[in-house]
Amino acid sequence: MLTNKSHLHSGFAEPLLTYLQERHLQAPALEQQLREALTTPGLCAATFCQWLEALYQLDPVPALGLRLGTMVEPRHFGAVGYLMLSCRNLGQGLTRYRRFHSLMQTGLRSWVVTEGDRLHLNWTQPVAKSLLAHEYSVACFINLYQALIGRNTPPISASFPDPKPHGIELYEAALGCPVHFNAPSLAVELPTRLMAMGISSSDAHLQRLLERQALAMLQKPETTDPDSDAFLGQLQTEVMKTLKDGDCSAAAVARNLGYSLRSFYRKLSGSGYSYRSLLADTRLRLAKYYLADPTLSLTEVALLLGYAEQSSFSRPFRIWMGITPGEYREQLAAKQQQRGAENLPS
């Protein structure tokens, strides 16, 4: 059963467009639809499933969904993908994955069962019940956890709720593990030892910020323009990431989000923002957060905010707050001491 109220993150459409181009498949209308989808934060799940079927009609190869799923990267999962990349290890990342999966796909239901040294991750997706969509979903998840740990460690097994197709050996070769059909749900079985494997892009500060943002997105009530809210959330996540990388220009952010610069500015203007004001607001919020951490020097705070040196950070901060970063930190420390003194027994 498909419902027009079910949505996916638009990043999942990019592998379809890449496959279409790499295979030199002639489908101008489909290609245009996929390109347009990448300029929006979310897309209708029913439409996405129709695109999968259209691709299969163009290129009816066995297990096409698995091929497409192996082209997925963490960034295609949007804010949740970036959050997982900032986690300490795979176990921490998968906990966030389950907590915020509705930001990637509405209607998704998941649960975990642990048996000894094995972890069973199960899920159902009412928006897509075809084998093609299930193939894509399972391959996406496997590719995601392998990308996070930087190793192509195969799962112990994978399960599909679909009837057993011909050529099951193709599935087992593609996934590198035994594959079961006619299962109660989609499932991937992993050794529990993988949960302790580190993620090279781990960043505790960024993780806390992205988790707060994901919580805000999850708890935000529905508005008259959910696409605009999703776009702004995705944009702020990307800005926070690029600030650390050193290139937080509008051109760099637009490119990373899959927009042309002109389309990016048009989308931003339609949401009632300018890039300059949004960048300043994001930097100020992050500055306050970083300055509250006494373990970070002012130079480190400046670098985390994308400034080449401390003086480049101090000037705009004084304009925003009327005081220097050092003075702001001193005020925070004084307030904390005052609260501590008030809590002492008389």
Protein backbone atom coordinates (compact mmCIF):
# COMPACT_ATOMS: atom_id res chain seq x y z
CA MET A 1 0.00 0.00 0.00
CA LEU A 2 1.32 3.43 -0.93
CA THR A 3 0.19 6.73 0.49
CA ASN A 4 0.82 10.23 -0.83
CA LYS A 5 1.35 11.36 2.76
CA SER A 6 4.49 9.20 3.05
CA HIS A 7 7.74 10.94 2.27
CA LEU A 8 11.40 10.10 1.80
CA HIS A 9 14.46 12.29 2.02
CA SER A 10 15.20 13.54 -1.50
CA GLY A 11 18.81 12.33 -1.30
CA PHE A 12 17.60 8.79 -2.05
CA ALA A 13 16.76 9.91 -5.60
CA GLU A 14 20.38 10.73 -6.49
CA PRO A 15 21.55 7.10 -6.96
CA LEU A 16 18.67 6.60 -9.42
CA LEU A 17 19.80 9.59 -11.46
CA THR A 18 23.44 8.44 -11.34
CA TYR A 19 22.47 4.95 -12.50
CA LEU A 20 20.35 6.36 -15.33
CA GLN A 21 23.30 8.41 -16.56
CA GLU A 22 25.99 5.77 -16.10
CA ARG A 23 23.95 3.18 -18.00
CA HIS A 24 23.18 5.74 -20.75
CA LEU A 25 19.47 5.02 -20.47
CA GLN A 26 17.36 7.30 -22.62
CA ALA A 27 14.53 8.65 -20.48
CA PRO A 28 14.49 12.47 -20.63
CA ALA A 29 11.26 12.85 -18.66
CA LEU A 30 12.43 10.58 -15.84
CA GLU A 31 15.82 12.26 -15.73
CA GLN A 32 14.18 15.67 -15.45
CA GLN A 33 11.92 14.48 -12.62
CA LEU A 34 14.90 13.09 -10.70
CA ARG A 35 16.86 16.31 -11.20
CA GLU A 36 13.95 18.37 -9.92
CA ALA A 37 13.52 16.06 -6.93
CA LEU A 38 17.08 16.79 -5.84
CA THR A 39 16.24 20.49 -5.49
CA THR A 40 13.62 19.73 -2.82
CA PRO A 41 14.18 18.41 0.73
CA GLY A 42 11.62 15.61 0.50
CA LEU A 43 9.74 13.56 -2.06
CA CYS A 44 6.58 11.50 -2.19
CA ALA A 45 7.33 7.86 -1.41
CA ALA A 46 4.75 6.64 -3.90
CA THR A 47 6.43 8.66 -6.65
CA PHE A 48 9.83 7.28 -5.66
CA CYS A 49 8.53 3.73 -6.03
CA GLN A 50 7.19 4.60 -9.46
CA TRP A 51 10.67 5.82 -10.44
CA LEU A 52 12.15 2.52 -9.29
CA GLU A 53 9.69 0.64 -11.47
CA ALA A 54 10.37 2.97 -14.42
CA LEU A 55 14.10 2.28 -14.12
CA TYR A 56 13.42 -1.45 -14.09
CA GLN A 57 11.37 -1.13 -17.26
CA LEU A 58 14.32 0.63 -18.89
CA ASP A 59 16.90 -1.83 -17.58
CA PRO A 60 15.23 -5.08 -16.39
CA VAL A 61 18.26 -6.63 -14.71
CA PRO A 62 17.86 -9.01 -11.76
CA ALA A 63 18.07 -7.49 -8.27
CA LEU A 64 18.17 -3.94 -9.63
CA GLY A 65 17.29 -2.53 -6.20
CA LEU A 66 20.46 -4.01 -4.73
CA ARG A 67 22.57 -2.36 -7.43
CA LEU A 68 20.96 1.00 -6.77
CA GLY A 69 21.27 0.66 -3.00
CA THR A 70 25.01 0.07 -3.17
CA MET A 71 25.36 3.56 -4.66
CA VAL A 72 23.93 5.22 -1.56
CA GLU A 73 26.21 7.26 0.73
CA PRO A 74 25.61 8.58 4.28
CA ARG A 75 24.92 12.08 2.94
CA HIS A 76 21.91 10.75 1.05
CA PHE A 77 20.26 10.15 4.44
CA GLY A 78 20.22 13.91 5.09
CA ALA A 79 20.48 15.21 8.67
CA VAL A 80 20.41 11.65 10.04
CA GLY A 81 23.36 10.65 7.85
CA TYR A 82 25.45 13.59 9.02
CA LEU A 83 24.51 12.85 12.63
CA MET A 84 25.63 9.24 12.26
CA LEU A 85 28.92 10.35 10.70
CA SER A 86 29.63 12.42 13.82
CA CYS A 87 29.02 9.51 16.22
CA ARG A 88 31.78 7.73 18.13
CA ASN A 89 31.05 4.18 16.97
CA LEU A 90 28.56 2.16 14.95
CA GLY A 91 26.43 1.26 17.95
CA GLN A 92 25.98 4.92 18.80
CA GLY A 93 25.24 5.73 15.17
CA LEU A 94 22.60 3.01 14.80
CA THR A 95 20.90 4.15 18.00
CA ARG A 96 20.49 7.61 16.41
CA TYR A 97 19.40 6.00 13.16
CA ARG A 98 16.51 4.27 14.88
CA ARG A 99 15.63 7.30 16.97
CA PHE A 100 15.37 9.67 14.02
CA HIS A 101 14.44 7.37 11.12
CA SER A 102 11.15 9.22 10.58
CA LEU A 103 13.23 12.16 9.30
CA MET A 104 14.37 9.90 6.45
CA GLN A 105 11.13 8.06 5.79
CA THR A 106 7.73 8.59 7.37
CA GLY A 107 5.85 5.48 8.40
CA LEU A 108 9.00 3.41 8.95
CA ARG A 109 8.85 1.09 11.97
CA SER A 110 11.96 -0.62 13.31
CA TRP A 111 13.00 -2.78 16.24
CA VAL A 112 16.12 -4.60 17.42
CA VAL A 113 16.47 -8.12 18.81
CA THR A 114 19.74 -9.27 20.39
CA GLU A 115 20.57 -12.98 20.53
CA GLY A 116 23.93 -13.76 22.03
CA ASP A 117 26.59 -12.26 19.80
CA ARG A 118 24.10 -11.36 17.06
CA LEU A 119 22.01 -8.27 16.52
CA HIS A 120 18.84 -8.44 14.42
CA LEU A 121 17.70 -5.11 12.98
CA ASN A 122 14.14 -5.41 11.69
CA TRP A 123 11.91 -2.90 9.93
CA THR A 124 8.74 -2.49 7.91
CA GLN A 125 7.97 0.27 5.43
CA PRO A 126 4.27 0.60 4.62
CA VAL A 127 5.07 3.05 1.83
CA ALA A 128 6.71 0.44 -0.36
CA LYS A 129 6.02 -3.29 -0.39
CA SER A 130 7.52 -4.35 -3.71
CA LEU A 131 10.61 -6.55 -3.91
CA LEU A 132 12.37 -3.79 -5.84
CA ALA A 133 11.79 -1.27 -3.04
CA HIS A 134 12.80 -3.84 -0.42
CA GLU A 135 16.03 -4.59 -2.29
CA TYR A 136 16.87 -0.90 -2.34
CA SER A 137 16.10 -0.49 1.37
CA VAL A 138 18.25 -3.42 2.51
CA ALA A 139 21.18 -2.49 0.27
CA CYS A 140 20.96 1.13 1.46
CA PHE A 141 21.24 0.08 5.09
CA ILE A 142 24.13 -2.31 4.49
CA ASN A 143 26.00 0.27 2.46
CA LEU A 144 25.40 2.84 5.19
CA TYR A 145 26.88 0.85 8.07
CA GLN A 146 29.83 -0.27 5.93
CA ALA A 147 30.57 3.34 4.96
CA LEU A 148 30.45 4.42 8.61
CA ILE A 149 33.00 1.85 9.80
CA GLY A 150 35.09 2.06 6.61
CA ARG A 151 34.98 -1.69 5.98
CA ASN A 152 32.98 -3.91 3.63
CA THR A 153 32.13 -6.32 6.44
CA PRO A 154 29.07 -8.28 5.24
CA PRO A 155 26.10 -8.96 7.49
CA ILE A 156 25.49 -12.44 8.90
CA SER A 157 22.24 -12.63 6.96
CA ALA A 158 19.55 -10.53 5.29
CA SER A 159 15.80 -11.19 5.14
CA PHE A 160 12.95 -10.12 2.87
CA PRO A 161 9.19 -10.51 3.40
CA ASP A 162 8.76 -11.31 -0.31
CA PRO A 163 8.32 -14.68 -2.05
CA LYS A 164 11.58 -16.34 -3.00
CA PRO A 165 12.64 -15.15 -6.48
CA HIS A 166 14.65 -17.03 -9.08
CA GLY A 167 18.41 -16.69 -8.80
CA ILE A 168 18.76 -16.36 -5.03
CA GLU A 169 22.50 -16.91 -5.48
CA LEU A 170 22.66 -13.44 -7.07
CA TYR A 171 21.33 -11.90 -3.87
CA GLU A 172 23.77 -13.81 -1.71
CA ALA A 173 26.69 -12.84 -3.94
CA ALA A 174 25.68 -9.17 -3.93
CA LEU A 175 25.15 -8.94 -0.18
CA GLY A 176 27.89 -11.37 0.82
CA CYS A 177 25.68 -13.41 3.14
CA PRO A 178 22.82 -15.92 3.25
CA VAL A 179 19.50 -14.40 2.21
CA HIS A 180 16.06 -15.47 3.46
CA PHE A 181 12.67 -14.81 1.89
CA ASN A 182 9.08 -15.05 3.16
CA ALA A 183 10.31 -13.46 6.39
CA PRO A 184 8.02 -11.52 8.78
CA SER A 185 9.83 -8.26 7.94
CA LEU A 186 12.90 -6.78 6.38
CA ALA A 187 15.92 -7.62 8.52
CA VAL A 188 19.70 -7.47 8.60
CA GLU A 189 21.64 -9.58 11.09
CA LEU A 190 24.98 -8.23 12.33
CA PRO A 191 27.64 -9.46 14.75
CA THR A 192 27.42 -7.38 17.95
CA ARG A 193 31.20 -6.80 17.83
CA LEU A 194 30.63 -4.36 14.97
CA MET A 195 28.82 -1.99 17.36
CA ALA A 196 32.14 -1.06 18.98
CA MET A 197 33.84 -0.21 15.70
CA GLY A 198 34.81 3.45 15.49
CA ILE A 199 33.69 6.01 12.94
CA SER A 200 36.63 8.00 11.56
CA SER A 201 34.62 11.23 11.15
CA SER A 202 33.51 11.19 14.80
CA ASP A 203 33.07 14.63 16.36
CA ALA A 204 31.50 14.90 19.82
CA HIS A 205 30.76 18.63 19.57
CA LEU A 206 29.16 18.35 16.16
CA GLN A 207 27.20 15.30 17.26
CA ARG A 208 25.56 17.16 20.14
CA LEU A 209 24.62 20.04 17.85
CA LEU A 210 23.21 17.80 15.12
CA GLU A 211 21.29 15.75 17.66
CA ARG A 212 19.67 18.88 19.05
CA GLN A 213 18.72 19.92 15.56
CA ALA A 214 17.30 16.46 14.75
CA LEU A 215 15.24 16.59 17.95
CA ALA A 216 13.89 20.00 16.98
CA MET A 217 12.97 18.71 13.53
CA LEU A 218 11.30 15.65 15.04
CA GLN A 219 9.26 17.64 17.56
CA LYS A 220 8.34 20.52 15.27
CA PRO A 221 4.59 20.62 14.61
CA GLU A 222 3.37 20.40 11.03
CA THR A 223 3.27 23.75 9.22
CA THR A 224 1.70 24.99 6.04
CA ASP A 225 5.03 24.54 4.30
CA PRO A 226 6.85 21.41 5.57
CA ASP A 227 9.21 21.43 2.59
CA SER A 228 10.52 24.86 3.63
CA ASP A 229 11.15 23.64 7.19
CA ALA A 230 12.94 20.55 5.90
CA PHE A 231 15.05 22.67 3.56
CA LEU A 232 16.12 25.00 6.37
CA GLY A 233 16.96 22.08 8.63
CA GLN A 234 19.02 20.45 5.90
CA LEU A 235 20.69 23.77 5.12
CA GLN A 236 21.67 24.46 8.73
CA THR A 237 23.13 20.96 9.02
CA GLU A 238 25.24 21.54 5.92
CA VAL A 239 26.37 24.98 7.12
CA MET A 240 27.55 23.51 10.44
CA LYS A 241 29.48 20.85 8.54
CA THR A 242 31.11 23.24 6.07
CA LEU A 243 32.11 25.66 8.83
CA LYS A 244 34.46 22.98 10.12
CA ASP A 245 35.76 22.24 6.65
CA GLY A 246 36.75 25.88 6.14
CA ASP A 247 34.65 26.68 3.04
CA CYS A 248 31.25 27.93 4.13
CA SER A 249 30.55 29.97 1.01
CA ALA A 250 27.07 29.91 -0.50
CA ALA A 251 28.52 28.22 -3.58
CA ALA A 252 30.04 25.38 -1.52
CA VAL A 253 26.87 24.82 0.51
CA ALA A 254 24.66 24.91 -2.59
CA ARG A 255 26.91 22.42 -4.37
CA ASN A 256 26.90 20.03 -1.40
CA LEU A 257 23.10 20.19 -1.25
CA GLY A 258 22.77 19.50 -4.98
CA TYR A 259 21.55 22.97 -6.04
CA SER A 260 22.82 25.39 -8.63
CA LEU A 261 23.72 28.68 -6.97
CA ARG A 262 20.79 30.43 -8.62
CA SER A 263 18.30 27.75 -7.50
CA PHE A 264 19.81 27.81 -4.01
CA TYR A 265 19.31 31.57 -3.65
CA ARG A 266 15.77 31.30 -5.04
CA LYS A 267 14.89 28.54 -2.56
CA LEU A 268 16.42 30.48 0.32
CA SER A 269 14.59 33.66 -0.61
CA GLY A 270 11.32 31.76 -0.84
CA SER A 271 11.84 30.62 2.76
CA GLY A 272 12.30 34.24 3.85
CA TYR A 273 16.05 34.16 4.48
CA SER A 274 19.27 35.46 3.02
CA TYR A 275 22.40 33.32 3.15
CA ARG A 276 24.37 36.05 4.91
CA SER A 277 21.83 36.32 7.75
CA LEU A 278 21.45 32.54 8.11
CA LEU A 279 25.24 32.06 8.23
CA ALA A 280 25.58 34.79 10.87
CA ASP A 281 22.76 33.32 12.95
CA THR A 282 24.27 29.82 12.77
CA ARG A 283 27.71 31.11 13.72
CA LEU A 284 26.32 33.02 16.70
CA ARG A 285 24.42 30.00 18.02
CA LEU A 286 27.48 27.80 17.60
CA ALA A 287 29.76 30.43 19.15
CA LYS A 288 27.64 30.54 22.31
CA TYR A 289 27.64 26.76 22.45
CA TYR A 290 31.41 26.43 21.98
CA LEU A 291 32.25 29.27 24.38
CA ALA A 292 30.33 27.45 27.11
CA ASP A 293 32.91 24.66 26.85
CA PRO A 294 35.97 25.73 28.89
CA THR A 295 38.13 23.03 27.31
CA LEU A 296 38.08 24.91 23.97
CA SER A 297 40.48 27.82 23.52
CA LEU A 298 39.25 30.95 21.74
CA THR A 299 41.45 30.05 18.78
CA GLU A 300 39.85 26.59 18.58
CA VAL A 301 36.37 28.14 18.74
CA ALA A 302 37.29 30.48 15.87
CA LEU A 303 38.53 27.57 13.76
CA LEU A 304 35.39 25.53 14.47
CA LEU A 305 33.34 28.48 13.22
CA GLY A 306 35.25 28.66 9.96
CA TYR A 307 37.47 31.67 10.77
CA ALA A 308 41.14 31.65 9.85
CA GLU A 309 42.20 33.34 13.10
CA GLN A 310 40.81 34.48 16.42
CA SER A 311 40.66 38.20 15.51
CA SER A 312 38.42 37.41 12.52
CA PHE A 313 35.97 35.82 14.96
CA SER A 314 36.20 38.47 17.69
CA ARG A 315 35.14 41.37 15.45
CA PRO A 316 31.75 39.99 14.32
CA PHE A 317 31.07 38.54 17.80
CA ARG A 318 31.47 42.01 19.33
CA ILE A 319 29.00 43.34 16.76
CA TRP A 320 26.50 40.59 17.58
CA MET A 321 26.81 40.64 21.37
CA GLY A 322 28.42 43.98 22.24
CA ILE A 323 31.28 42.23 24.05
CA THR A 324 34.30 40.13 23.07
CA PRO A 325 34.24 36.31 23.14
CA GLY A 326 36.56 36.38 26.15
CA GLU A 327 34.24 38.72 28.04
CA TYR A 328 31.24 36.55 27.14
CA ARG A 329 33.04 33.49 28.53
CA GLU A 330 33.92 35.38 31.72
CA GLN A 331 30.26 36.32 32.16
CA LEU A 332 29.25 32.67 31.76
CA ALA A 333 31.79 31.59 34.36
CA ALA A 334 30.58 34.27 36.78
CA LYS A 335 26.97 33.18 36.38
CA GLN A 336 27.92 29.57 37.01
CA GLN A 337 29.82 30.54 40.17
CA GLN A 338 26.85 32.57 41.34
CA ARG A 339 24.47 29.66 40.80
CA GLY A 340 26.86 27.38 42.64
CA ALA A 341 27.03 29.75 45.60
CA GLU A 342 23.24 30.03 45.74
CA ASN A 343 22.95 26.26 45.92
CA LEU A 344 25.31 25.95 48.89
CA PRO A 345 23.60 25.12 52.21
CA SER A 346 23.29 28.13 54.50
